[in-house]
């Protein structure tokens, strides 16, 4: 297999959605070659345990906006640039795919500004992983011809005209980072008169041992799940394809209770004997 270039650079790496086996060979090579790993919260801890060199310095720079315990992006940019400028090989490790609803553009701009070489290594995004592990083919023939990746983490992010178009679309709609506004999201679709054959699925902690899938018609969502506080991360799928879940759900792992991804801790940059740092504010 082709080896990674030995010249120090920054690798922007997608770690996949949760299951540590859903990581690419190239990502594994980058992790193994890293001097420094800047790791997000939504990365399976097994990936670090399996593939990182024991001498590699691990810095946790997680974000958890719902708890106001997120590492500022400016601090992350500074860490990437500082370590890379020292000639170290840096891996910026993020859950899912590196380019889906992340702040990778800020990091790319910082790297370009400082003339630091980099490489982008894609990963399996949460939409692909969650849908596959829930038995929901996102563009199943006869159900949907396309899929849209969206977010509704704040109410003003989509215009009224776009909402109107979404309400009539037969596309599969996948919403990232939207569990906090889920009731409002459903209300939007109900107000638009969405067809009866569209359903909603909320997939908690997808591809982990704690994965749970909740499905409902849009009309019954408030009755069935309106007061539920879904665990982070949760992905929302809306469309006709959700009807396929009951028939093709294949994951036989017994239902377990627990939290797979640890919460970000309030505090400062601290180190421990295992070369692990945590930077959170």
Protein backbone atom coordinates (compact mmCIF):
# COMPACT_ATOMS: atom_id res chain seq x y z
CA UNK A 1 0.00 0.00 0.00
CA UNK A 2 1.07 3.55 -0.70
CA UNK A 3 2.61 5.20 2.34
CA UNK A 4 1.91 8.73 3.46
CA UNK A 5 4.45 11.40 2.61
CA UNK A 6 6.96 11.78 5.45
CA UNK A 7 7.11 15.57 5.07
CA UNK A 8 5.43 17.23 8.08
CA UNK A 9 2.01 18.56 7.22
CA UNK A 10 -1.51 18.82 8.56
CA UNK A 11 -3.98 16.07 7.78
CA UNK A 12 -7.64 17.04 8.09
CA UNK A 13 -9.23 13.64 8.72
CA UNK A 14 -12.78 12.32 8.93
CA UNK A 15 -13.03 9.51 11.51
CA UNK A 16 -16.47 8.19 10.54
CA UNK A 17 -19.74 8.31 12.48
CA UNK A 18 -19.04 6.18 15.55
CA UNK A 19 -18.28 2.55 14.79
CA UNK A 20 -14.46 2.46 14.87
CA UNK A 21 -14.45 -0.04 12.00
CA UNK A 22 -15.96 2.63 9.72
CA UNK A 23 -12.66 4.41 9.19
CA UNK A 24 -10.64 4.53 5.99
CA UNK A 25 -7.23 2.95 5.54
CA UNK A 26 -5.77 6.34 4.65
CA UNK A 27 -7.14 7.87 7.84
CA UNK A 28 -5.54 5.08 9.88
CA UNK A 29 -2.18 5.77 8.22
CA UNK A 30 -2.41 9.47 9.03
CA UNK A 31 -3.33 8.80 12.66
CA UNK A 32 -0.44 6.35 13.04
CA UNK A 33 2.03 8.87 11.58
CA UNK A 34 0.88 11.83 13.67
CA UNK A 35 2.98 13.62 16.24
CA UNK A 36 -0.07 15.59 17.38
CA UNK A 37 -3.77 14.69 17.14
CA UNK A 38 -6.37 17.40 17.71
CA UNK A 39 -9.48 15.33 18.37
CA UNK A 40 -13.15 16.30 18.33
CA UNK A 41 -15.74 14.95 20.78
CA UNK A 42 -17.57 12.80 18.20
CA UNK A 43 -14.66 10.46 17.50
CA UNK A 44 -14.74 6.90 18.77
CA UNK A 45 -12.18 6.54 21.59
CA UNK A 46 -11.30 3.13 20.17
CA UNK A 47 -9.82 4.79 17.10
CA UNK A 48 -7.23 6.56 19.23
CA UNK A 49 -6.57 3.41 21.26
CA UNK A 50 -6.13 1.25 18.18
CA UNK A 51 -4.20 3.42 15.78
CA UNK A 52 -2.41 6.31 17.50
CA UNK A 53 1.25 5.89 18.39
CA UNK A 54 1.77 5.69 22.15
CA UNK A 55 4.11 8.71 21.92
CA UNK A 56 1.59 10.83 20.05
CA UNK A 57 0.24 13.82 21.93
CA UNK A 58 -3.57 13.77 21.96
CA UNK A 59 -5.38 17.08 22.43
CA UNK A 60 -9.15 17.00 22.86
CA UNK A 61 -10.72 20.11 21.38
CA UNK A 62 -14.36 19.14 21.56
CA UNK A 63 -17.41 21.23 20.88
CA UNK A 64 -20.76 20.83 22.62
CA UNK A 65 -22.70 24.00 22.04
CA UNK A 66 -25.80 22.79 23.90
CA UNK A 67 -23.72 22.79 27.10
CA UNK A 68 -21.74 25.94 26.34
CA UNK A 69 -18.57 23.91 26.67
CA UNK A 70 -16.93 24.26 23.29
CA UNK A 71 -13.31 24.89 22.44
CA UNK A 72 -13.13 28.22 20.58
CA UNK A 73 -12.32 27.75 16.92
CA UNK A 74 -9.63 30.42 17.17
CA UNK A 75 -7.80 28.30 19.77
CA UNK A 76 -7.99 25.24 17.52
CA UNK A 77 -6.59 27.20 14.58
CA UNK A 78 -3.75 28.47 16.77
CA UNK A 79 -2.88 24.97 17.99
CA UNK A 80 -2.84 23.57 14.44
CA UNK A 81 -0.60 26.36 13.15
CA UNK A 82 1.75 26.36 16.17
CA UNK A 83 2.39 22.61 16.12
CA UNK A 84 2.73 22.45 12.34
CA UNK A 85 5.17 25.38 12.41
CA UNK A 86 7.34 23.33 14.76
CA UNK A 87 7.70 20.73 11.99
CA UNK A 88 5.29 18.27 13.57
CA UNK A 89 2.84 16.10 11.67
CA UNK A 90 -0.60 17.17 12.83
CA UNK A 91 -3.88 15.29 12.43
CA UNK A 92 -7.07 17.27 12.90
CA UNK A 93 -9.51 14.44 13.62
CA UNK A 94 -13.24 15.01 13.32
CA UNK A 95 -16.25 12.72 13.53
CA UNK A 96 -18.00 11.74 10.32
CA UNK A 97 -16.64 13.43 7.22
CA UNK A 98 -14.27 16.34 7.62
CA UNK A 99 -16.26 18.59 5.26
CA UNK A 100 -19.84 18.06 6.45
CA UNK A 101 -21.09 20.78 8.80
CA UNK A 102 -17.73 21.43 10.38
CA UNK A 103 -15.46 24.45 10.72
CA UNK A 104 -12.93 23.03 8.29
CA UNK A 105 -13.01 26.21 6.19
CA UNK A 106 -11.67 28.24 9.11
CA UNK A 107 -8.85 25.75 9.53
CA UNK A 108 -8.08 25.70 5.81
CA UNK A 109 -7.85 29.49 5.75
CA UNK A 110 -5.45 29.46 8.71
CA UNK A 111 -3.26 26.86 7.00
CA UNK A 112 -3.18 28.79 3.73
CA UNK A 113 -2.43 32.04 5.52
CA UNK A 114 0.62 30.47 7.16
CA UNK A 115 1.68 28.51 4.04
CA UNK A 116 1.36 25.18 5.81
CA UNK A 117 0.89 22.11 3.57
CA UNK A 118 -2.21 20.06 4.24
CA UNK A 119 -4.26 17.14 3.00
CA UNK A 120 -7.99 16.45 3.34
CA UNK A 121 -8.91 12.83 4.06
CA UNK A 122 -12.66 12.19 3.79
CA UNK A 123 -14.63 9.91 6.08
CA UNK A 124 -18.04 8.26 6.16
CA UNK A 125 -20.44 11.03 7.05
CA UNK A 126 -23.11 10.63 9.72
CA UNK A 127 -25.91 10.57 7.14
CA UNK A 128 -24.45 7.54 5.36
CA UNK A 129 -23.58 5.70 8.56
CA UNK A 130 -26.84 6.40 10.39
CA UNK A 131 -29.04 5.58 7.42
CA UNK A 132 -27.18 2.36 6.64
CA UNK A 133 -27.26 1.13 10.26
CA UNK A 134 -30.98 1.97 10.42
CA UNK A 135 -31.80 0.09 7.21
CA UNK A 136 -32.84 3.26 5.38
CA UNK A 137 -31.46 3.52 1.81
CA UNK A 138 -31.33 7.28 1.30
CA UNK A 139 -32.11 7.21 -2.43
CA UNK A 140 -34.04 3.93 -2.74
CA UNK A 141 -35.50 3.51 -6.20
CA UNK A 142 -39.14 4.50 -6.28
CA UNK A 143 -38.83 6.44 -3.01
CA UNK A 144 -36.33 9.25 -3.68
CA UNK A 145 -34.08 10.31 -6.52
CA UNK A 146 -31.89 12.62 -4.46
CA UNK A 147 -30.91 13.49 -0.92
CA UNK A 148 -30.24 16.82 0.76
CA UNK A 149 -27.98 17.44 3.72
CA UNK A 150 -29.32 20.26 5.90
CA UNK A 151 -29.17 21.73 9.36
CA UNK A 152 -31.70 23.55 11.54
CA UNK A 153 -29.64 24.45 14.58
CA UNK A 154 -31.10 27.95 14.50
CA UNK A 155 -34.52 28.92 13.20
CA UNK A 156 -33.47 31.66 10.80
CA UNK A 157 -31.01 29.49 8.87
CA UNK A 158 -33.52 28.59 6.10
CA UNK A 159 -35.63 31.13 4.23
CA UNK A 160 -39.42 30.90 3.92
CA UNK A 161 -39.08 30.31 0.17
CA UNK A 162 -36.73 27.41 0.77
CA UNK A 163 -39.04 25.91 3.39
CA UNK A 164 -41.91 26.03 0.90
CA UNK A 165 -39.81 24.16 -1.66
CA UNK A 166 -38.76 21.56 0.93
CA UNK A 167 -42.39 20.90 1.79
CA UNK A 168 -43.21 19.84 -1.77
CA UNK A 169 -39.96 18.03 -2.51
CA UNK A 170 -39.72 14.23 -2.74
CA UNK A 171 -36.03 14.37 -1.83
CA UNK A 172 -34.81 12.58 1.26
CA UNK A 173 -33.95 15.28 3.79
CA UNK A 174 -31.22 14.67 6.35
CA UNK A 175 -30.86 17.22 9.15
CA UNK A 176 -27.62 17.49 11.12
CA UNK A 177 -27.33 19.30 14.49
CA UNK A 178 -31.08 19.86 14.69
CA UNK A 179 -32.28 17.95 17.76
CA UNK A 180 -32.58 21.16 19.79
CA UNK A 181 -35.17 22.57 17.36
CA UNK A 182 -36.85 19.28 16.47
CA UNK A 183 -40.38 20.21 17.51
CA UNK A 184 -40.15 23.41 15.53
CA UNK A 185 -38.78 21.51 12.55
CA UNK A 186 -41.77 19.18 12.55
CA UNK A 187 -44.14 22.14 12.92
CA UNK A 188 -42.63 23.69 9.81
CA UNK A 189 -43.40 20.61 7.74
CA UNK A 190 -46.89 20.22 9.17
CA UNK A 191 -47.66 23.83 8.28
CA UNK A 192 -46.52 23.13 4.72
CA UNK A 193 -48.94 20.23 4.35
CA UNK A 194 -46.39 17.47 3.83
CA UNK A 195 -47.77 14.28 2.23
CA UNK A 196 -48.87 11.37 4.42
CA UNK A 197 -46.33 8.92 3.01
CA UNK A 198 -43.40 10.88 4.40
CA UNK A 199 -42.15 9.85 7.80
CA UNK A 200 -39.52 11.08 10.21
CA UNK A 201 -36.72 9.06 11.79
CA UNK A 202 -34.49 10.25 14.62
CA UNK A 203 -31.34 8.14 14.95
CA UNK A 204 -29.50 8.50 18.24
CA UNK A 205 -25.78 7.69 18.60
CA UNK A 206 -25.74 6.08 15.17
CA UNK A 207 -23.44 3.09 14.50
CA UNK A 208 -22.51 2.79 18.19
CA UNK A 209 -23.59 0.09 20.66
CA UNK A 210 -26.19 2.58 21.96
CA UNK A 211 -27.86 3.32 18.63
CA UNK A 212 -31.62 3.77 18.81
CA UNK A 213 -34.00 4.59 15.98
CA UNK A 214 -37.33 6.34 16.53
CA UNK A 215 -39.80 6.66 13.65
CA UNK A 216 -43.17 8.31 13.35
CA UNK A 217 -45.45 10.06 10.93
CA UNK A 218 -44.98 13.80 11.04
CA UNK A 219 -48.57 14.16 12.27
CA UNK A 220 -47.96 11.86 15.26
CA UNK A 221 -44.46 13.03 16.13
CA UNK A 222 -45.50 15.42 18.90
CA UNK A 223 -47.69 12.75 20.47
CA UNK A 224 -45.04 10.03 20.22
CA UNK A 225 -41.79 11.91 20.87
CA UNK A 226 -42.60 15.57 21.42
CA UNK A 227 -41.22 15.67 24.97
CA UNK A 228 -38.25 13.39 24.42
CA UNK A 229 -34.74 14.75 24.90
CA UNK A 230 -32.78 12.86 22.26
CA UNK A 231 -29.18 11.96 23.04
CA UNK A 232 -26.38 13.75 21.19
CA UNK A 233 -25.51 13.11 18.47
CA UNK A 234 -28.89 12.55 16.81
CA UNK A 235 -29.57 12.66 13.08
CA UNK A 236 -32.99 13.38 11.56
CA UNK A 237 -34.21 11.81 8.32
CA UNK A 238 -37.46 12.92 6.68
CA UNK A 239 -38.91 11.31 3.58
CA UNK A 240 -40.60 8.30 2.05
CA UNK A 241 -37.47 6.19 2.57
CA UNK A 242 -38.09 6.13 6.33
CA UNK A 243 -40.92 3.66 5.62
CA UNK A 244 -38.24 1.11 4.72
CA UNK A 245 -36.75 1.02 8.22
CA UNK A 246 -39.11 -1.59 9.67
CA UNK A 247 -38.50 -3.96 6.77
CA UNK A 248 -34.75 -3.61 6.39
CA UNK A 249 -33.47 -2.80 9.86
CA UNK A 250 -30.63 -5.29 10.25
CA UNK A 251 -28.69 -4.23 13.34
CA UNK A 252 -29.13 -7.03 15.86
CA UNK A 253 -27.14 -5.49 18.70
CA UNK A 254 -29.27 -5.60 21.87
CA UNK A 255 -30.49 -2.22 23.03
CA UNK A 256 -28.10 -0.77 25.58
CA UNK A 257 -28.38 2.34 27.70
CA UNK A 258 -25.47 4.69 27.88
CA UNK A 259 -23.54 7.54 26.33
CA UNK A 260 -20.90 6.62 23.75
CA UNK A 261 -19.26 10.01 23.27
CA UNK A 262 -18.18 11.72 26.47
CA UNK A 263 -19.26 15.29 27.12
CA UNK A 264 -16.85 18.18 26.83
CA UNK A 265 -15.52 19.25 30.23
CA UNK A 266 -15.47 22.86 31.31
CA UNK A 267 -12.00 23.94 32.28
CA UNK A 268 -8.62 24.82 30.86
CA UNK A 269 -5.86 23.12 28.94
CA UNK A 270 -4.60 20.31 31.14
CA UNK A 271 -2.41 17.30 30.58
CA UNK A 272 -2.18 13.83 32.03
CA UNK A 273 0.48 11.13 32.04
CA UNK A 274 -0.91 9.46 28.90
CA UNK A 275 0.07 12.41 26.65
CA UNK A 276 -3.58 13.49 26.56
CA UNK A 277 -4.60 17.12 26.72
CA UNK A 278 -8.07 18.56 26.95
CA UNK A 279 -8.79 22.09 25.83
CA UNK A 280 -12.26 23.27 26.68
CA UNK A 281 -13.72 26.45 28.03
